Amino acid sequence: MTDAGQVRLTDLLDTIHASNASYELAYQSKIAMERIRFAIRQLETRRREGPVREACLQLLDALDRLQSAEVNFQRRNFRPGASE
C-alpha cells in the first residue's frame, strides 16, 4: 500500500471513530433527557414550593439546554441525504 493509501485508510478510520463517538453522544443525551423528564414529572406531583420548585426549574433549564444542543448537533452531523 502506498503512503497516500495509508493516509486515506487512517483518515477513514478516524472518521469512523468520530462517527461512533457522535452516535454515542446522541444516545446518551437522549437518555439524559428522558431521565430529566421523569424527574420533572415526579417533582410536579409534589408541592411546588421552596427547594422543590427550584429543583424543578433547574431541571427544566437543563432539559432546554440539552434539547438545544441536540438540535444543533443533528444539524451539523446528520444532514438530510447524508445516509442515502
Protein backbone atom coordinates (compact mmCIF):
# COMPACT_ATOMS: atom_id res chain seq x y z
CA MET A 1 0.00 0.00 0.00
CA THR A 2 1.29 3.44 -0.85
CA ASP A 3 1.75 6.24 1.63
CA ALA A 4 -1.26 8.01 0.10
CA GLY A 5 -3.35 4.85 0.52
CA GLN A 6 -2.21 4.53 4.12
CA VAL A 7 -3.14 8.13 4.81
CA ARG A 8 -6.61 7.62 3.32
CA LEU A 9 -7.17 4.48 5.39
CA THR A 10 -6.06 6.32 8.54
CA ASP A 11 -8.42 9.20 7.72
CA LEU A 12 -11.26 6.75 7.14
CA LEU A 13 -10.64 5.03 10.48
CA ASP A 14 -10.53 8.40 12.25
CA THR A 15 -13.85 9.32 10.63
CA ILE A 16 -15.43 6.03 11.72
CA HIS A 17 -14.27 6.52 15.31
CA ALA A 18 -15.57 10.10 15.33
CA SER A 19 -18.89 8.92 13.91
CA ASN A 20 -19.20 6.24 16.60
CA ALA A 21 -18.47 8.84 19.27
CA SER A 22 -21.11 11.14 17.75
CA TYR A 23 -23.76 8.42 17.89
CA GLU A 24 -22.79 7.58 21.48
CA LEU A 25 -23.12 11.24 22.45
CA ALA A 26 -26.54 11.49 20.77
CA TYR A 27 -27.71 8.30 22.51
CA GLN A 28 -26.51 9.42 25.94
CA SER A 29 -28.16 12.84 25.54
CA LYS A 30 -31.48 11.12 24.71
CA ILE A 31 -31.19 9.00 27.87
CA ALA A 32 -30.34 12.08 29.96
CA MET A 33 -33.35 13.97 28.58
CA GLU A 34 -35.70 11.09 29.38
CA ARG A 35 -34.38 10.90 32.95
CA ILE A 36 -34.76 14.64 33.41
CA ARG A 37 -38.34 14.48 32.10
CA PHE A 38 -39.07 11.68 34.59
CA ALA A 39 -37.62 13.70 37.47
CA ILE A 40 -39.66 16.73 36.46
CA ARG A 41 -42.86 14.66 36.38
CA GLN A 42 -42.08 13.30 39.85
CA LEU A 43 -41.39 16.76 41.23
CA GLU A 44 -44.57 18.16 39.70
CA THR A 45 -46.65 15.74 41.77
CA ARG A 46 -45.35 17.34 44.98
CA ARG A 47 -45.95 20.80 46.37
CA ARG A 48 -44.05 23.25 44.23
CA GLU A 49 -42.58 25.47 46.91
CA GLY A 50 -39.07 26.34 48.00
CA PRO A 51 -36.33 23.85 47.14
CA VAL A 52 -38.63 21.52 45.18
CA ARG A 53 -39.75 24.37 42.93
CA GLU A 54 -36.13 25.46 42.44
CA ALA A 55 -35.08 21.90 41.59
CA CYS A 56 -37.86 21.66 39.02
CA LEU A 57 -36.77 24.95 37.43
CA GLN A 58 -33.14 23.78 37.32
CA LEU A 59 -34.18 20.53 35.65
CA LEU A 60 -36.30 22.40 33.09
CA ASP A 61 -33.31 24.61 32.30
CA ALA A 62 -31.04 21.57 31.92
CA LEU A 63 -33.59 19.90 29.64
CA ASP A 64 -33.88 23.02 27.47
CA ARG A 65 -30.10 23.20 27.15
CA LEU A 66 -29.80 19.52 26.21
CA GLN A 67 -32.58 19.78 23.65
CA SER A 68 -30.99 22.85 22.09
CA ALA A 69 -27.58 21.15 21.97
CA GLU A 70 -29.15 18.06 20.38
CA VAL A 71 -30.84 20.10 17.65
CA ASN A 72 -27.58 21.90 16.86
CA PHE A 73 -25.66 18.62 16.92
CA GLN A 74 -28.08 16.98 14.49
CA ARG A 75 -27.97 19.98 12.15
CA ARG A 76 -24.19 19.72 11.98
CA ASN A 77 -23.79 15.94 11.85
CA PHE A 78 -26.91 14.38 10.37
CA ARG A 79 -27.73 16.40 7.31
CA PRO A 80 -30.66 15.18 5.17
CA GLY A 81 -29.49 12.86 2.44
CA ALA A 82 -26.16 12.13 4.11
CA SER A 83 -27.04 8.46 4.69
CA GLU A 84 -28.62 7.88 1.27
